[in-house]
Amino acid sequence: MVEYALQLDGIFGSLADPTRRDILGRLQLGELNISEVAQPYDISLAAISKHLKILEQARLIRKRRAGKERMVSLEPATMKQAAEYLQQYERLWNQRLNRLEVFLEES
């Protein structure tokens, strides 16, 4: 359970940064090399590498070598894990909002 909680902390901590969220959004379209990942951002390649390292440590992306290039792709299983965690709270709040709606209609 502790390991699961630490993994969720890493996932949501990684998602807290807008640049990392944008990188993940771009990777939804397919695998990119490091230069392609860095291209639209006005930050150093070292800064991009730090962002990628954080995403990799959270297991949101994976890197692989293709010749001289380092390729980056999404790791969808980890994102699914985070979504399942959030769905628990979505169900809870939907139930509460439904009860509130019934209460307000009866009032």
N, C-alpha and C. Protein backbone atom coordinates (compact mmCIF):
# COMPACT_ATOMS: atom_id res chain seq x y z
N MET A 1 0.81 -1.19 0.00
CA MET A 1 0.00 0.00 0.00
C MET A 1 0.86 1.27 0.00
N VAL A 2 1.96 1.24 0.76
CA VAL A 2 2.85 2.40 0.82
C VAL A 2 3.47 2.66 -0.54
N GLU A 3 3.89 1.59 -1.21
CA GLU A 3 4.49 1.74 -2.54
C GLU A 3 3.48 2.33 -3.52
N TYR A 4 2.23 1.88 -3.45
CA TYR A 4 1.16 2.40 -4.30
C TYR A 4 0.98 3.89 -4.06
N ALA A 5 0.94 4.29 -2.78
CA ALA A 5 0.78 5.71 -2.43
C ALA A 5 1.96 6.53 -2.93
N LEU A 6 3.16 6.01 -2.80
CA LEU A 6 4.34 6.74 -3.30
C LEU A 6 4.30 6.88 -4.81
N GLN A 7 3.84 5.84 -5.50
CA GLN A 7 3.75 5.92 -6.95
C GLN A 7 2.72 6.98 -7.36
N LEU A 8 1.58 7.00 -6.67
CA LEU A 8 0.58 8.03 -6.96
C LEU A 8 1.12 9.43 -6.68
N ASP A 9 1.89 9.58 -5.61
CA ASP A 9 2.52 10.87 -5.31
C ASP A 9 3.40 11.30 -6.47
N GLY A 10 4.19 10.38 -6.99
CA GLY A 10 5.06 10.68 -8.13
C GLY A 10 4.28 11.05 -9.37
N ILE A 11 3.21 10.33 -9.62
CA ILE A 11 2.38 10.61 -10.80
C ILE A 11 1.78 12.01 -10.70
N PHE A 12 1.09 12.28 -9.59
CA PHE A 12 0.41 13.56 -9.47
C PHE A 12 1.39 14.72 -9.31
N GLY A 13 2.53 14.47 -8.68
CA GLY A 13 3.57 15.50 -8.61
C GLY A 13 4.09 15.84 -10.00
N SER A 14 4.26 14.83 -10.82
CA SER A 14 4.71 15.06 -12.21
C SER A 14 3.69 15.85 -13.00
N LEU A 15 2.42 15.53 -12.78
CA LEU A 15 1.34 16.19 -13.53
C LEU A 15 1.09 17.62 -13.06
N ALA A 16 1.69 18.02 -11.94
CA ALA A 16 1.48 19.37 -11.41
C ALA A 16 2.14 20.44 -12.27
N ASP A 17 3.10 20.06 -13.09
CA ASP A 17 3.84 21.04 -13.90
C ASP A 17 3.22 21.17 -15.30
N PRO A 18 2.92 22.40 -15.75
CA PRO A 18 2.28 22.57 -17.06
C PRO A 18 3.14 22.10 -18.24
N THR A 19 4.45 22.25 -18.14
CA THR A 19 5.32 21.79 -19.24
C THR A 19 5.25 20.27 -19.35
N ARG A 20 5.28 19.60 -18.23
CA ARG A 20 5.20 18.13 -18.27
C ARG A 20 3.85 17.66 -18.78
N ARG A 21 2.78 18.35 -18.38
CA ARG A 21 1.46 17.98 -18.90
C ARG A 21 1.41 18.19 -20.41
N ASP A 22 2.02 19.26 -20.88
CA ASP A 22 2.04 19.52 -22.31
C ASP A 22 2.84 18.45 -23.06
N ILE A 23 3.96 18.06 -22.50
CA ILE A 23 4.77 17.00 -23.10
C ILE A 23 3.94 15.72 -23.22
N LEU A 24 3.24 15.36 -22.16
CA LEU A 24 2.40 14.16 -22.21
C LEU A 24 1.30 14.29 -23.27
N GLY A 25 0.74 15.46 -23.38
CA GLY A 25 -0.28 15.69 -24.40
C GLY A 25 0.27 15.51 -25.81
N ARG A 26 1.46 15.98 -26.03
CA ARG A 26 2.08 15.84 -27.35
C ARG A 26 2.45 14.39 -27.63
N LEU A 27 2.83 13.65 -26.60
CA LEU A 27 3.19 12.24 -26.77
C LEU A 27 1.97 11.37 -27.05
N GLN A 28 0.77 11.89 -26.79
CA GLN A 28 -0.43 11.13 -27.14
C GLN A 28 -0.52 10.89 -28.65
N LEU A 29 0.08 11.77 -29.40
CA LEU A 29 0.05 11.65 -30.86
C LEU A 29 1.06 10.64 -31.37
N GLY A 30 2.00 10.24 -30.53
CA GLY A 30 2.99 9.25 -30.93
C GLY A 30 4.36 9.54 -30.34
N GLU A 31 5.24 8.60 -30.58
CA GLU A 31 6.61 8.66 -30.06
C GLU A 31 7.37 9.83 -30.69
N LEU A 32 8.21 10.47 -29.87
CA LEU A 32 9.05 11.59 -30.33
C LEU A 32 10.47 11.36 -29.86
N ASN A 33 11.43 11.91 -30.62
CA ASN A 33 12.79 11.89 -30.10
C ASN A 33 12.96 13.11 -29.18
N ILE A 34 14.05 13.14 -28.44
CA ILE A 34 14.28 14.21 -27.45
C ILE A 34 14.25 15.58 -28.09
N SER A 35 14.85 15.73 -29.25
CA SER A 35 14.87 17.03 -29.93
C SER A 35 13.46 17.47 -30.31
N GLU A 36 12.63 16.52 -30.75
CA GLU A 36 11.25 16.85 -31.10
C GLU A 36 10.46 17.25 -29.85
N VAL A 37 10.74 16.59 -28.74
CA VAL A 37 10.08 16.95 -27.48
C VAL A 37 10.46 18.39 -27.11
N ALA A 38 11.74 18.73 -27.22
CA ALA A 38 12.24 20.03 -26.79
C ALA A 38 11.87 21.18 -27.72
N GLN A 39 11.62 20.90 -28.97
CA GLN A 39 11.47 21.91 -30.02
C GLN A 39 10.51 23.07 -29.68
N PRO A 40 9.30 22.84 -29.19
CA PRO A 40 8.40 23.99 -29.01
C PRO A 40 8.63 24.82 -27.75
N TYR A 41 9.55 24.41 -26.90
CA TYR A 41 9.72 25.09 -25.62
C TYR A 41 10.92 26.04 -25.65
N ASP A 42 10.76 27.15 -24.98
CA ASP A 42 11.82 28.15 -24.91
C ASP A 42 12.63 27.93 -23.62
N ILE A 43 13.08 26.69 -23.45
CA ILE A 43 13.92 26.34 -22.31
C ILE A 43 15.06 25.46 -22.81
N SER A 44 16.06 25.30 -21.99
CA SER A 44 17.25 24.56 -22.40
C SER A 44 16.94 23.06 -22.55
N LEU A 45 17.80 22.40 -23.30
CA LEU A 45 17.69 20.95 -23.45
C LEU A 45 17.89 20.26 -22.10
N ALA A 46 18.73 20.84 -21.25
CA ALA A 46 18.94 20.29 -19.90
C ALA A 46 17.65 20.36 -19.09
N ALA A 47 16.91 21.45 -19.22
CA ALA A 47 15.63 21.58 -18.51
C ALA A 47 14.63 20.55 -19.02
N ILE A 48 14.59 20.35 -20.33
CA ILE A 48 13.71 19.33 -20.91
C ILE A 48 14.09 17.95 -20.38
N SER A 49 15.39 17.70 -20.31
CA SER A 49 15.86 16.41 -19.79
C SER A 49 15.41 16.19 -18.35
N LYS A 50 15.41 17.25 -17.55
CA LYS A 50 14.95 17.13 -16.17
C LYS A 50 13.46 16.80 -16.13
N HIS A 51 12.68 17.47 -16.98
CA HIS A 51 11.25 17.18 -17.05
C HIS A 51 11.03 15.72 -17.46
N LEU A 52 11.77 15.27 -18.44
CA LEU A 52 11.62 13.89 -18.91
C LEU A 52 12.03 12.89 -17.83
N LYS A 53 13.06 13.22 -17.07
CA LYS A 53 13.50 12.33 -16.00
C LYS A 53 12.41 12.19 -14.93
N ILE A 54 11.77 13.30 -14.60
CA ILE A 54 10.69 13.26 -13.61
C ILE A 54 9.52 12.41 -14.13
N LEU A 55 9.17 12.60 -15.41
CA LEU A 55 8.09 11.81 -16.01
C LEU A 55 8.46 10.33 -16.07
N GLU A 56 9.71 10.05 -16.34
CA GLU A 56 10.16 8.66 -16.41
C GLU A 56 10.16 8.02 -15.01
N GLN A 57 10.61 8.76 -14.01
CA GLN A 57 10.61 8.24 -12.64
C GLN A 57 9.19 7.95 -12.16
N ALA A 58 8.24 8.74 -12.63
CA ALA A 58 6.83 8.52 -12.28
C ALA A 58 6.20 7.42 -13.15
N ARG A 59 6.98 6.91 -14.08
CA ARG A 59 6.55 5.85 -15.01
C ARG A 59 5.44 6.30 -15.94
N LEU A 60 5.41 7.61 -16.23
CA LEU A 60 4.43 8.13 -17.18
C LEU A 60 4.93 8.04 -18.61
N ILE A 61 6.25 7.98 -18.78
CA ILE A 61 6.84 7.81 -20.11
C ILE A 61 7.89 6.71 -20.05
N ARG A 62 8.30 6.28 -21.21
CA ARG A 62 9.45 5.37 -21.31
C ARG A 62 10.36 5.88 -22.40
N LYS A 63 11.63 5.63 -22.23
CA LYS A 63 12.64 6.02 -23.22
C LYS A 63 13.25 4.76 -23.79
N ARG A 64 13.64 4.86 -25.05
CA ARG A 64 14.35 3.76 -25.69
C ARG A 64 15.32 4.34 -26.70
N ARG A 65 16.33 3.57 -27.03
CA ARG A 65 17.30 3.99 -28.04
C ARG A 65 16.86 3.47 -29.40
N ALA A 66 17.01 4.33 -30.40
CA ALA A 66 16.80 3.95 -31.79
C ALA A 66 18.02 4.49 -32.55
N GLY A 67 19.03 3.68 -32.69
CA GLY A 67 20.29 4.15 -33.26
C GLY A 67 20.93 5.15 -32.32
N LYS A 68 21.18 6.35 -32.81
CA LYS A 68 21.78 7.40 -31.98
C LYS A 68 20.74 8.23 -31.24
N GLU A 69 19.49 8.04 -31.55
CA GLU A 69 18.44 8.85 -30.95
C GLU A 69 17.84 8.18 -29.72
N ARG A 70 17.37 9.04 -28.82
CA ARG A 70 16.59 8.56 -27.66
C ARG A 70 15.14 8.89 -27.96
N MET A 71 14.30 7.88 -27.98
CA MET A 71 12.89 8.05 -28.28
C MET A 71 12.10 8.04 -26.97
N VAL A 72 11.03 8.82 -26.96
CA VAL A 72 10.19 8.95 -25.77
C VAL A 72 8.75 8.62 -26.17
N SER A 73 8.09 7.81 -25.35
CA SER A 73 6.69 7.47 -25.60
C SER A 73 5.94 7.41 -24.28
N LEU A 74 4.61 7.45 -24.38
CA LEU A 74 3.77 7.35 -23.19
C LEU A 74 3.80 5.95 -22.61
N GLU A 75 3.55 5.89 -21.33
CA GLU A 75 3.35 4.61 -20.64
C GLU A 75 1.89 4.62 -20.16
N PRO A 76 0.97 4.16 -21.00
CA PRO A 76 -0.46 4.32 -20.69
C PRO A 76 -0.94 3.59 -19.44
N ALA A 77 -0.30 2.51 -19.05
CA ALA A 77 -0.74 1.77 -17.86
C ALA A 77 -0.68 2.63 -16.61
N THR A 78 0.33 3.49 -16.52
CA THR A 78 0.47 4.35 -15.34
C THR A 78 -0.62 5.41 -15.31
N MET A 79 -0.93 5.98 -16.48
CA MET A 79 -1.99 6.98 -16.54
C MET A 79 -3.34 6.33 -16.19
N LYS A 80 -3.51 5.09 -16.59
CA LYS A 80 -4.74 4.36 -16.27
C LYS A 80 -4.86 4.19 -14.76
N GLN A 81 -3.76 3.90 -14.11
CA GLN A 81 -3.75 3.74 -12.65
C GLN A 81 -4.20 5.04 -11.97
N ALA A 82 -3.69 6.17 -12.45
CA ALA A 82 -4.08 7.46 -11.88
C ALA A 82 -5.56 7.74 -12.13
N ALA A 83 -6.04 7.41 -13.32
CA ALA A 83 -7.45 7.62 -13.65
C ALA A 83 -8.35 6.77 -12.76
N GLU A 84 -7.96 5.54 -12.51
CA GLU A 84 -8.75 4.66 -11.64
C GLU A 84 -8.82 5.22 -10.22
N TYR A 85 -7.72 5.78 -9.76
CA TYR A 85 -7.71 6.39 -8.43
C TYR A 85 -8.70 7.56 -8.38
N LEU A 86 -8.69 8.40 -9.40
CA LEU A 86 -9.58 9.56 -9.43
C LEU A 86 -11.04 9.16 -9.60
N GLN A 87 -11.29 8.04 -10.25
CA GLN A 87 -12.67 7.59 -10.46
C GLN A 87 -13.36 7.28 -9.13
N GLN A 88 -12.61 6.85 -8.15
CA GLN A 88 -13.19 6.61 -6.82
C GLN A 88 -13.85 7.89 -6.30
N TYR A 89 -13.14 8.99 -6.45
CA TYR A 89 -13.65 10.26 -5.97
C TYR A 89 -14.76 10.80 -6.86
N GLU A 90 -14.67 10.53 -8.14
CA GLU A 90 -15.74 10.94 -9.06
C GLU A 90 -17.06 10.27 -8.66
N ARG A 91 -17.02 8.96 -8.38
CA ARG A 91 -18.22 8.24 -7.95
C ARG A 91 -18.77 8.83 -6.66
N LEU A 92 -17.88 9.09 -5.70
CA LEU A 92 -18.29 9.66 -4.43
C LEU A 92 -19.01 10.99 -4.62
N TRP A 93 -18.40 11.89 -5.39
CA TRP A 93 -18.99 13.21 -5.58
C TRP A 93 -20.25 13.15 -6.41
N ASN A 94 -20.33 12.25 -7.38
CA ASN A 94 -21.57 12.09 -8.14
C ASN A 94 -22.71 11.64 -7.24
N GLN A 95 -22.42 10.71 -6.32
CA GLN A 95 -23.45 10.26 -5.37
C GLN A 95 -23.91 11.42 -4.49
N ARG A 96 -22.97 12.19 -4.00
CA ARG A 96 -23.33 13.32 -3.13
C ARG A 96 -24.13 14.37 -3.89
N LEU A 97 -23.72 14.66 -5.11
CA LEU A 97 -24.45 15.66 -5.90
C LEU A 97 -25.84 15.16 -6.27
N ASN A 98 -25.97 13.86 -6.53
CA ASN A 98 -27.29 13.30 -6.82
C ASN A 98 -28.21 13.42 -5.60
N ARG A 99 -27.67 13.14 -4.41
CA ARG A 99 -28.47 13.28 -3.18
C ARG A 99 -28.86 14.73 -2.95
N LEU A 100 -27.95 15.66 -3.24
CA LEU A 100 -28.27 17.08 -3.10
C LEU A 100 -29.36 17.47 -4.08
N GLU A 101 -29.29 16.98 -5.29
CA GLU A 101 -30.31 17.30 -6.29
C GLU A 101 -31.69 16.81 -5.84
N VAL A 102 -31.74 15.58 -5.32
CA VAL A 102 -33.01 15.04 -4.82
C VAL A 102 -33.53 15.90 -3.67
N PHE A 103 -32.65 16.25 -2.76
CA PHE A 103 -33.03 17.10 -1.61
C PHE A 103 -33.60 18.43 -2.08
N LEU A 104 -32.93 19.05 -3.05
CA LEU A 104 -33.39 20.35 -3.53
C LEU A 104 -34.72 20.25 -4.28
N GLU A 105 -34.92 19.17 -5.00
CA GLU A 105 -36.18 18.97 -5.71
C GLU A 105 -37.34 18.75 -4.74
N GLU A 106 -37.06 18.07 -3.62
CA GLU A 106 -38.09 17.80 -2.63
C GLU A 106 -38.41 19.03 -1.76
N SER A 107 -37.50 19.97 -1.72
CA SER A 107 -37.69 21.16 -0.87
C SER A 107 -38.62 22.17 -1.50
